[in-house]
């Protein structure tokens, strides 16, 4: 249990660093939208797109920060209470949950590949650049799955 406690301490530091990296983006997008500070925006698109982009950046950063803060609170509670530490350990090392996540990721990847190919065909009728972008995403996912399969087949 002591090694798990040390793992949580390291995880706590990483979470705090991630929060510290995300919060400037969140507040930067909000303050930029209010016109108080300059914030880099995409060169393409008009003012509407740039405003949406700032909103997306600040919203994503705020959302991820909130999730990380919730995780930080859980880690802190587990580190201060042995009963909660044990519950978190059991939850993190539950084989059934791990198998469910593994199966869900595999199914999700297959669905993404099939729908990505369908989207590539449909997008080909409307825009070459969008068609090629979707095709590159599907190709990248396929190749990364293949590389991971080869890696894990040699590892285990």
N, C-alpha and C. Protein backbone atom coordinates (compact mmCIF):
# COMPACT_ATOMS: atom_id res chain seq x y z
N UNK A 1 0.83 -1.19 0.00
CA UNK A 1 0.00 0.00 0.00
C UNK A 1 0.88 1.26 0.00
N UNK A 2 2.07 1.11 0.56
CA UNK A 2 2.96 2.28 0.62
C UNK A 2 3.45 2.68 -0.78
N UNK A 3 3.66 1.70 -1.66
CA UNK A 3 4.05 2.05 -3.03
C UNK A 3 2.92 2.75 -3.76
N UNK A 4 1.69 2.36 -3.48
CA UNK A 4 0.54 3.04 -4.08
C UNK A 4 0.43 4.47 -3.55
N UNK A 5 0.73 4.66 -2.29
CA UNK A 5 0.71 6.01 -1.70
C UNK A 5 1.75 6.89 -2.39
N UNK A 6 2.93 6.35 -2.65
CA UNK A 6 3.98 7.12 -3.34
C UNK A 6 3.56 7.43 -4.78
N UNK A 7 2.89 6.48 -5.41
CA UNK A 7 2.39 6.70 -6.77
C UNK A 7 1.38 7.84 -6.77
N UNK A 8 0.51 7.88 -5.77
CA UNK A 8 -0.48 8.95 -5.67
C UNK A 8 0.18 10.30 -5.42
N UNK A 9 1.25 10.32 -4.65
CA UNK A 9 1.96 11.58 -4.41
C UNK A 9 2.56 12.13 -5.69
N UNK A 10 3.12 11.24 -6.50
CA UNK A 10 3.66 11.67 -7.80
C UNK A 10 2.52 12.13 -8.71
N UNK A 11 1.42 11.40 -8.70
CA UNK A 11 0.27 11.76 -9.51
C UNK A 11 -0.29 13.12 -9.08
N UNK A 12 -0.27 13.39 -7.79
CA UNK A 12 -0.75 14.67 -7.28
C UNK A 12 0.10 15.82 -7.84
N UNK A 13 1.41 15.64 -7.88
CA UNK A 13 2.29 16.68 -8.42
C UNK A 13 2.01 16.90 -9.90
N UNK A 14 1.84 15.82 -10.64
CA UNK A 14 1.55 15.93 -12.08
C UNK A 14 0.22 16.65 -12.31
N UNK A 15 -0.79 16.32 -11.52
CA UNK A 15 -2.10 16.96 -11.65
C UNK A 15 -2.00 18.45 -11.35
N UNK A 16 -1.26 18.80 -10.32
CA UNK A 16 -1.09 20.22 -9.98
C UNK A 16 -0.38 20.96 -11.11
N UNK A 17 0.65 20.34 -11.70
CA UNK A 17 1.34 20.97 -12.83
C UNK A 17 0.41 21.15 -14.03
N UNK A 18 -0.41 20.15 -14.29
CA UNK A 18 -1.36 20.25 -15.41
C UNK A 18 -2.38 21.36 -15.17
N UNK A 19 -2.85 21.48 -13.95
CA UNK A 19 -3.80 22.56 -13.63
C UNK A 19 -3.12 23.90 -13.83
N UNK A 20 -1.88 24.02 -13.38
CA UNK A 20 -1.14 25.28 -13.53
C UNK A 20 -0.91 25.62 -15.00
N UNK A 21 -0.78 24.61 -15.85
CA UNK A 21 -0.62 24.86 -17.28
C UNK A 21 -1.93 25.21 -17.97
N UNK A 22 -3.04 24.65 -17.50
CA UNK A 22 -4.33 24.88 -18.15
C UNK A 22 -4.99 26.20 -17.75
N UNK A 23 -4.83 26.60 -16.52
CA UNK A 23 -5.53 27.80 -16.04
C UNK A 23 -5.17 29.08 -16.81
N UNK A 24 -3.90 29.31 -17.20
CA UNK A 24 -3.63 30.50 -18.01
C UNK A 24 -4.40 30.52 -19.33
N UNK A 25 -4.58 29.34 -19.94
CA UNK A 25 -5.36 29.29 -21.18
C UNK A 25 -6.83 29.61 -20.91
N UNK A 26 -7.34 29.08 -19.83
CA UNK A 26 -8.74 29.34 -19.49
C UNK A 26 -8.97 30.82 -19.25
N UNK A 27 -8.17 31.41 -18.37
CA UNK A 27 -8.35 32.83 -18.07
C UNK A 27 -7.94 33.72 -19.24
N UNK A 28 -6.93 33.29 -20.00
CA UNK A 28 -6.52 34.06 -21.18
C UNK A 28 -7.63 34.15 -22.21
N UNK A 29 -8.31 33.05 -22.47
CA UNK A 29 -9.42 33.07 -23.42
C UNK A 29 -10.57 33.92 -22.93
N UNK A 30 -10.87 33.83 -21.64
CA UNK A 30 -11.97 34.62 -21.08
C UNK A 30 -11.63 36.11 -21.13
N UNK A 31 -10.44 36.48 -20.68
CA UNK A 31 -10.04 37.89 -20.68
C UNK A 31 -9.88 38.44 -22.09
N UNK A 32 -9.45 37.60 -23.01
CA UNK A 32 -9.32 38.02 -24.40
C UNK A 32 -10.69 38.27 -25.03
N UNK A 33 -11.65 37.41 -24.70
CA UNK A 33 -13.00 37.58 -25.24
C UNK A 33 -13.62 38.88 -24.72
N UNK A 34 -13.25 39.25 -23.48
CA UNK A 34 -13.73 40.50 -22.92
C UNK A 34 -12.98 41.70 -23.47
N UNK A 35 -11.89 41.48 -24.22
CA UNK A 35 -11.13 42.56 -24.81
C UNK A 35 -10.08 43.14 -23.88
N UNK A 36 -9.76 42.45 -22.80
CA UNK A 36 -8.82 42.99 -21.82
C UNK A 36 -7.36 42.68 -22.15
N UNK A 37 -7.10 41.53 -22.78
CA UNK A 37 -5.73 41.17 -23.15
C UNK A 37 -5.74 40.57 -24.55
N UNK A 38 -4.62 40.66 -25.25
CA UNK A 38 -4.55 39.98 -26.56
C UNK A 38 -4.31 38.49 -26.36
N UNK A 39 -4.88 37.71 -27.24
CA UNK A 39 -4.76 36.25 -27.17
C UNK A 39 -4.58 35.75 -28.59
N UNK A 40 -3.60 34.89 -28.85
CA UNK A 40 -3.40 34.42 -30.22
C UNK A 40 -4.62 33.67 -30.75
N UNK A 41 -5.00 33.99 -31.95
CA UNK A 41 -6.15 33.34 -32.59
C UNK A 41 -5.73 32.86 -33.98
N UNK A 42 -6.48 31.95 -34.56
CA UNK A 42 -6.16 31.49 -35.92
C UNK A 42 -6.25 32.64 -36.92
N UNK A 43 -5.35 32.62 -37.89
CA UNK A 43 -5.34 33.67 -38.90
C UNK A 43 -6.53 33.52 -39.85
N UNK A 44 -6.96 32.29 -40.07
CA UNK A 44 -8.07 32.05 -40.98
C UNK A 44 -9.40 32.34 -40.29
N UNK A 45 -10.39 32.63 -41.08
CA UNK A 45 -11.72 32.86 -40.54
C UNK A 45 -11.91 34.29 -40.10
N UNK A 46 -13.15 34.63 -39.87
CA UNK A 46 -13.47 35.98 -39.46
C UNK A 46 -13.52 36.13 -37.95
N UNK A 47 -14.10 37.22 -37.52
CA UNK A 47 -14.19 37.52 -36.08
C UNK A 47 -15.04 36.49 -35.35
N UNK A 48 -16.09 35.99 -36.02
CA UNK A 48 -16.94 34.98 -35.39
C UNK A 48 -16.15 33.70 -35.09
N UNK A 49 -15.35 33.26 -36.07
CA UNK A 49 -14.55 32.05 -35.86
C UNK A 49 -13.52 32.27 -34.76
N UNK A 50 -12.87 33.41 -34.75
CA UNK A 50 -11.87 33.69 -33.72
C UNK A 50 -12.49 33.74 -32.34
N UNK A 51 -13.69 34.30 -32.23
CA UNK A 51 -14.39 34.34 -30.94
C UNK A 51 -14.76 32.92 -30.50
N UNK A 52 -15.23 32.11 -31.46
CA UNK A 52 -15.57 30.73 -31.12
C UNK A 52 -14.33 29.96 -30.69
N UNK A 53 -13.20 30.22 -31.34
CA UNK A 53 -11.96 29.54 -31.01
C UNK A 53 -11.50 29.90 -29.60
N UNK A 54 -11.55 31.18 -29.24
CA UNK A 54 -11.19 31.59 -27.88
C UNK A 54 -12.13 30.94 -26.87
N UNK A 55 -13.41 30.87 -27.19
CA UNK A 55 -14.38 30.22 -26.31
C UNK A 55 -14.10 28.74 -26.16
N UNK A 56 -13.73 28.09 -27.25
CA UNK A 56 -13.41 26.66 -27.19
C UNK A 56 -12.18 26.43 -26.33
N UNK A 57 -11.14 27.22 -26.54
CA UNK A 57 -9.90 27.05 -25.77
C UNK A 57 -10.17 27.28 -24.28
N UNK A 58 -10.86 28.36 -23.95
CA UNK A 58 -11.11 28.65 -22.53
C UNK A 58 -12.07 27.63 -21.93
N UNK A 59 -13.06 27.19 -22.66
CA UNK A 59 -14.00 26.19 -22.15
C UNK A 59 -13.35 24.84 -21.95
N UNK A 60 -12.54 24.41 -22.90
CA UNK A 60 -11.85 23.13 -22.76
C UNK A 60 -10.86 23.18 -21.60
N UNK A 61 -10.15 24.28 -21.47
CA UNK A 61 -9.19 24.42 -20.37
C UNK A 61 -9.91 24.45 -19.02
N UNK A 62 -11.04 25.16 -18.95
CA UNK A 62 -11.82 25.19 -17.70
C UNK A 62 -12.37 23.81 -17.36
N UNK A 63 -12.91 23.12 -18.35
CA UNK A 63 -13.47 21.80 -18.12
C UNK A 63 -12.43 20.79 -17.66
N UNK A 64 -11.29 20.78 -18.33
CA UNK A 64 -10.22 19.87 -17.93
C UNK A 64 -9.67 20.24 -16.56
N UNK A 65 -9.57 21.53 -16.28
CA UNK A 65 -9.10 21.96 -14.95
C UNK A 65 -10.06 21.49 -13.87
N UNK A 66 -11.35 21.60 -14.12
CA UNK A 66 -12.34 21.14 -13.13
C UNK A 66 -12.22 19.64 -12.88
N UNK A 67 -12.06 18.87 -13.95
CA UNK A 67 -11.88 17.42 -13.79
C UNK A 67 -10.61 17.11 -13.00
N UNK A 68 -9.55 17.82 -13.30
CA UNK A 68 -8.30 17.60 -12.59
C UNK A 68 -8.42 18.00 -11.12
N UNK A 69 -9.15 19.06 -10.84
CA UNK A 69 -9.35 19.49 -9.46
C UNK A 69 -10.14 18.44 -8.68
N UNK A 70 -11.16 17.86 -9.31
CA UNK A 70 -11.92 16.79 -8.65
C UNK A 70 -11.00 15.61 -8.36
N UNK A 71 -10.15 15.25 -9.33
CA UNK A 71 -9.20 14.18 -9.10
C UNK A 71 -8.20 14.52 -8.01
N UNK A 72 -7.80 15.77 -7.95
CA UNK A 72 -6.87 16.21 -6.91
C UNK A 72 -7.50 16.10 -5.52
N UNK A 73 -8.77 16.45 -5.43
CA UNK A 73 -9.47 16.33 -4.15
C UNK A 73 -9.55 14.87 -3.72
N UNK A 74 -9.82 13.98 -4.68
CA UNK A 74 -9.88 12.54 -4.36
C UNK A 74 -8.52 12.01 -3.91
N UNK A 75 -7.47 12.45 -4.58
CA UNK A 75 -6.13 12.02 -4.19
C UNK A 75 -5.79 12.52 -2.80
N UNK A 76 -6.10 13.78 -2.55
CA UNK A 76 -5.81 14.35 -1.23
C UNK A 76 -6.57 13.62 -0.13
N UNK A 77 -7.85 13.32 -0.39
CA UNK A 77 -8.64 12.59 0.60
C UNK A 77 -8.06 11.20 0.85
N UNK A 78 -7.61 10.54 -0.23
CA UNK A 78 -7.06 9.19 -0.09
C UNK A 78 -5.73 9.22 0.67
N UNK A 79 -4.93 10.25 0.44
CA UNK A 79 -3.65 10.33 1.12
C UNK A 79 -3.80 10.64 2.61
N UNK A 80 -4.90 11.27 2.98
CA UNK A 80 -5.08 11.63 4.39
C UNK A 80 -5.87 10.59 5.18
N UNK A 81 -6.51 9.63 4.49
CA UNK A 81 -7.36 8.66 5.16
C UNK A 81 -7.03 7.26 4.62
N UNK A 82 -6.60 6.36 5.48
CA UNK A 82 -6.21 5.02 5.04
C UNK A 82 -7.38 4.23 4.47
N UNK A 83 -8.57 4.44 4.99
CA UNK A 83 -9.74 3.73 4.47
C UNK A 83 -10.04 4.16 3.03
N UNK A 84 -9.98 5.47 2.79
CA UNK A 84 -10.21 5.96 1.43
C UNK A 84 -9.08 5.56 0.49
N UNK A 85 -7.87 5.50 1.02
CA UNK A 85 -6.73 5.05 0.22
C UNK A 85 -6.96 3.62 -0.25
N UNK A 86 -7.41 2.77 0.65
CA UNK A 86 -7.68 1.37 0.31
C UNK A 86 -8.81 1.27 -0.72
N UNK A 87 -9.88 2.07 -0.55
CA UNK A 87 -10.98 2.05 -1.51
C UNK A 87 -10.51 2.50 -2.88
N UNK A 88 -9.68 3.53 -2.94
CA UNK A 88 -9.18 4.01 -4.22
C UNK A 88 -8.26 2.98 -4.86
N UNK A 89 -7.46 2.29 -4.05
CA UNK A 89 -6.59 1.24 -4.55
C UNK A 89 -7.40 0.11 -5.18
N UNK A 90 -8.44 -0.31 -4.48
CA UNK A 90 -9.30 -1.39 -4.99
C UNK A 90 -9.98 -0.95 -6.28
N UNK A 91 -10.45 0.29 -6.30
CA UNK A 91 -11.12 0.81 -7.50
C UNK A 91 -10.15 0.89 -8.68
N UNK A 92 -8.92 1.34 -8.43
CA UNK A 92 -7.93 1.46 -9.50
C UNK A 92 -7.43 0.12 -10.01
N UNK A 93 -7.47 -0.90 -9.19
CA UNK A 93 -6.93 -2.20 -9.56
C UNK A 93 -8.00 -3.26 -9.80
N UNK A 94 -9.23 -2.83 -10.04
CA UNK A 94 -10.32 -3.76 -10.30
C UNK A 94 -10.17 -4.33 -11.71
N UNK A 95 -10.01 -5.65 -11.81
CA UNK A 95 -9.79 -6.29 -13.10
C UNK A 95 -11.01 -6.23 -14.01
N UNK A 96 -12.18 -6.29 -13.43
CA UNK A 96 -13.40 -6.24 -14.23
C UNK A 96 -13.53 -4.89 -14.92
N UNK A 97 -13.29 -3.82 -14.18
CA UNK A 97 -13.36 -2.47 -14.75
C UNK A 97 -12.30 -2.29 -15.83
N UNK A 98 -11.10 -2.79 -15.59
CA UNK A 98 -10.04 -2.69 -16.58
C UNK A 98 -10.41 -3.43 -17.86
N UNK A 99 -11.01 -4.60 -17.73
CA UNK A 99 -11.43 -5.36 -18.90
C UNK A 99 -12.55 -4.65 -19.66
N UNK A 100 -13.47 -4.05 -18.93
CA UNK A 100 -14.55 -3.30 -19.58
C UNK A 100 -13.98 -2.14 -20.38
N UNK A 101 -13.04 -1.39 -19.77
CA UNK A 101 -12.42 -0.26 -20.49
C UNK A 101 -11.65 -0.74 -21.72
N UNK A 102 -10.94 -1.85 -21.60
CA UNK A 102 -10.19 -2.38 -22.73
C UNK A 102 -11.13 -2.78 -23.87
N UNK A 103 -12.20 -3.46 -23.52
CA UNK A 103 -13.18 -3.87 -24.54
C UNK A 103 -13.87 -2.67 -25.16
N UNK A 104 -14.19 -1.68 -24.34
CA UNK A 104 -14.85 -0.48 -24.86
C UNK A 104 -13.94 0.28 -25.81
N UNK A 105 -12.66 0.39 -25.47
CA UNK A 105 -11.71 1.08 -26.36
C UNK A 105 -11.57 0.34 -27.68
N UNK A 106 -11.51 -0.98 -27.62
CA UNK A 106 -11.38 -1.77 -28.85
C UNK A 106 -12.61 -1.59 -29.73
N UNK A 107 -13.80 -1.66 -29.14
CA UNK A 107 -15.03 -1.48 -29.91
C UNK A 107 -15.12 -0.06 -30.46
N UNK A 108 -14.76 0.92 -29.63
CA UNK A 108 -14.79 2.31 -30.08
C UNK A 108 -13.84 2.56 -31.24
N UNK A 109 -12.68 1.93 -31.19
CA UNK A 109 -11.72 2.08 -32.28
C UNK A 109 -12.27 1.47 -33.57
N UNK A 110 -12.89 0.31 -33.48
CA UNK A 110 -13.46 -0.31 -34.67
C UNK A 110 -14.59 0.53 -35.25
N UNK A 111 -15.44 1.08 -34.38
CA UNK A 111 -16.52 1.94 -34.84
C UNK A 111 -15.96 3.18 -35.52
N UNK A 112 -14.93 3.79 -34.91
CA UNK A 112 -14.31 4.98 -35.50
C UNK A 112 -13.74 4.66 -36.88
N UNK A 113 -13.07 3.55 -37.02
CA UNK A 113 -12.48 3.19 -38.31
C UNK A 113 -13.56 2.99 -39.37
N UNK A 114 -14.62 2.28 -39.03
CA UNK A 114 -15.68 2.03 -40.02
C UNK A 114 -16.42 3.32 -40.37
N UNK A 115 -16.78 4.11 -39.37
CA UNK A 115 -17.47 5.37 -39.66
C UNK A 115 -16.54 6.37 -40.33
N UNK A 116 -15.25 6.30 -40.00
CA UNK A 116 -14.29 7.18 -40.67
C UNK A 116 -14.17 6.89 -42.14
N UNK A 117 -14.19 5.61 -42.49
CA UNK A 117 -14.15 5.26 -43.91
C UNK A 117 -15.43 5.71 -44.62
N UNK A 118 -16.57 5.53 -43.96
CA UNK A 118 -17.82 6.00 -44.55
C UNK A 118 -17.80 7.53 -44.70
N UNK A 119 -17.30 8.22 -43.70
CA UNK A 119 -17.22 9.69 -43.77
C UNK A 119 -16.26 10.13 -44.87
N UNK A 120 -15.19 9.36 -45.08
CA UNK A 120 -14.25 9.69 -46.16
C UNK A 120 -14.93 9.61 -47.51
N UNK A 121 -15.71 8.57 -47.70
CA UNK A 121 -16.41 8.41 -48.97
C UNK A 121 -17.43 9.54 -49.18
N UNK A 122 -18.17 9.84 -48.14
CA UNK A 122 -19.18 10.90 -48.25
C UNK A 122 -18.51 12.26 -48.45
N UNK A 123 -17.45 12.54 -47.71
CA UNK A 123 -16.78 13.83 -47.82
C UNK A 123 -16.12 14.00 -49.18
N UNK A 124 -15.75 12.90 -49.83
CA UNK A 124 -15.14 12.97 -51.15
C UNK A 124 -16.04 13.63 -52.18
N UNK A 125 -17.35 13.60 -51.96
CA UNK A 125 -18.28 14.24 -52.88
C UNK A 125 -18.35 15.75 -52.68
N UNK A 126 -17.86 16.23 -51.56
CA UNK A 126 -18.03 17.65 -51.24
C UNK A 126 -16.71 18.42 -51.19
N UNK A 127 -15.67 17.83 -50.60
CA UNK A 127 -14.41 18.57 -50.44
C UNK A 127 -13.24 17.59 -50.42
N UNK A 128 -12.27 17.86 -51.29
CA UNK A 128 -11.09 17.00 -51.36
C UNK A 128 -10.26 17.13 -50.08
N UNK A 129 -10.10 18.35 -49.57
CA UNK A 129 -9.26 18.54 -48.38
C UNK A 129 -9.86 17.86 -47.15
N UNK A 130 -11.18 17.94 -46.99
CA UNK A 130 -11.82 17.27 -45.85
C UNK A 130 -11.74 15.77 -46.01
N UNK A 131 -11.93 15.29 -47.23
CA UNK A 131 -11.83 13.85 -47.50
C UNK A 131 -10.45 13.32 -47.15
N UNK A 132 -9.41 14.04 -47.58
CA UNK A 132 -8.05 13.60 -47.30
C UNK A 132 -7.71 13.72 -45.81
N UNK A 133 -8.26 14.71 -45.14
CA UNK A 133 -8.03 14.87 -43.70
C UNK A 133 -8.62 13.69 -42.94
N UNK A 134 -9.86 13.33 -43.25
CA UNK A 134 -10.49 12.19 -42.59
C UNK A 134 -9.75 10.91 -42.91
N UNK A 135 -9.33 10.75 -44.16
CA UNK A 135 -8.59 9.56 -44.56
C UNK A 135 -7.26 9.47 -43.80
N UNK A 136 -6.58 10.59 -43.62
CA UNK A 136 -5.32 10.59 -42.86
C UNK A 136 -5.57 10.23 -41.39
N UNK A 137 -6.66 10.70 -40.82
CA UNK A 137 -6.99 10.35 -39.44
C UNK A 137 -7.26 8.85 -39.31
N UNK A 138 -8.01 8.29 -40.24
CA UNK A 138 -8.30 6.85 -40.23
C UNK A 138 -7.01 6.05 -40.44
N UNK A 139 -6.18 6.51 -41.36
CA UNK A 139 -4.92 5.82 -41.61
C UNK A 139 -4.00 5.88 -40.39
N UNK A 140 -3.91 7.04 -39.74
CA UNK A 140 -3.08 7.18 -38.55
C UNK A 140 -3.57 6.26 -37.43
N UNK A 141 -4.89 6.22 -37.21
CA UNK A 141 -5.43 5.34 -36.18
C UNK A 141 -5.15 3.88 -36.51
N UNK A 142 -5.32 3.51 -37.76
CA UNK A 142 -5.05 2.12 -38.17
C UNK A 142 -3.59 1.75 -37.93
N UNK A 143 -2.69 2.63 -38.33
CA UNK A 143 -1.27 2.35 -38.15
C UNK A 143 -0.86 2.34 -36.68
N UNK A 144 -1.42 3.25 -35.89
CA UNK A 144 -1.07 3.26 -34.46
C UNK A 144 -1.62 2.00 -33.78
N UNK A 145 -2.79 1.52 -34.18
CA UNK A 145 -3.31 0.27 -33.63
C UNK A 145 -2.42 -0.90 -34.02
N UNK A 146 -1.94 -0.91 -35.25
CA UNK A 146 -1.07 -1.98 -35.72
C UNK A 146 0.26 -1.97 -34.95
N UNK A 147 0.84 -0.80 -34.77
CA UNK A 147 2.10 -0.70 -34.03
C UNK A 147 1.90 -1.14 -32.58
N UNK A 148 0.82 -0.73 -31.96
CA UNK A 148 0.55 -1.14 -30.58
C UNK A 148 0.32 -2.65 -30.49
N UNK A 149 -0.36 -3.22 -31.48
CA UNK A 149 -0.57 -4.66 -31.49
C UNK A 149 0.75 -5.40 -31.59
N UNK A 150 1.61 -4.94 -32.46
CA UNK A 150 2.92 -5.57 -32.59
C UNK A 150 3.73 -5.42 -31.31
N UNK A 151 3.69 -4.27 -30.70
CA UNK A 151 4.43 -4.03 -29.46
C UNK A 151 3.94 -4.95 -28.35
N UNK A 152 2.63 -5.00 -28.16
CA UNK A 152 2.08 -5.81 -27.08
C UNK A 152 2.17 -7.31 -27.36
N UNK A 153 2.18 -7.70 -28.62
CA UNK A 153 2.34 -9.13 -28.91
C UNK A 153 3.77 -9.58 -28.59
N UNK A 154 4.74 -8.70 -28.71
CA UNK A 154 6.11 -9.04 -28.32
C UNK A 154 6.33 -8.90 -26.82
N UNK A 155 5.61 -7.98 -26.19
CA UNK A 155 5.78 -7.74 -24.76
C UNK A 155 5.20 -8.87 -23.93
N UNK A 156 4.05 -9.40 -24.35
CA UNK A 156 3.38 -10.43 -23.53
C UNK A 156 3.57 -11.79 -24.12
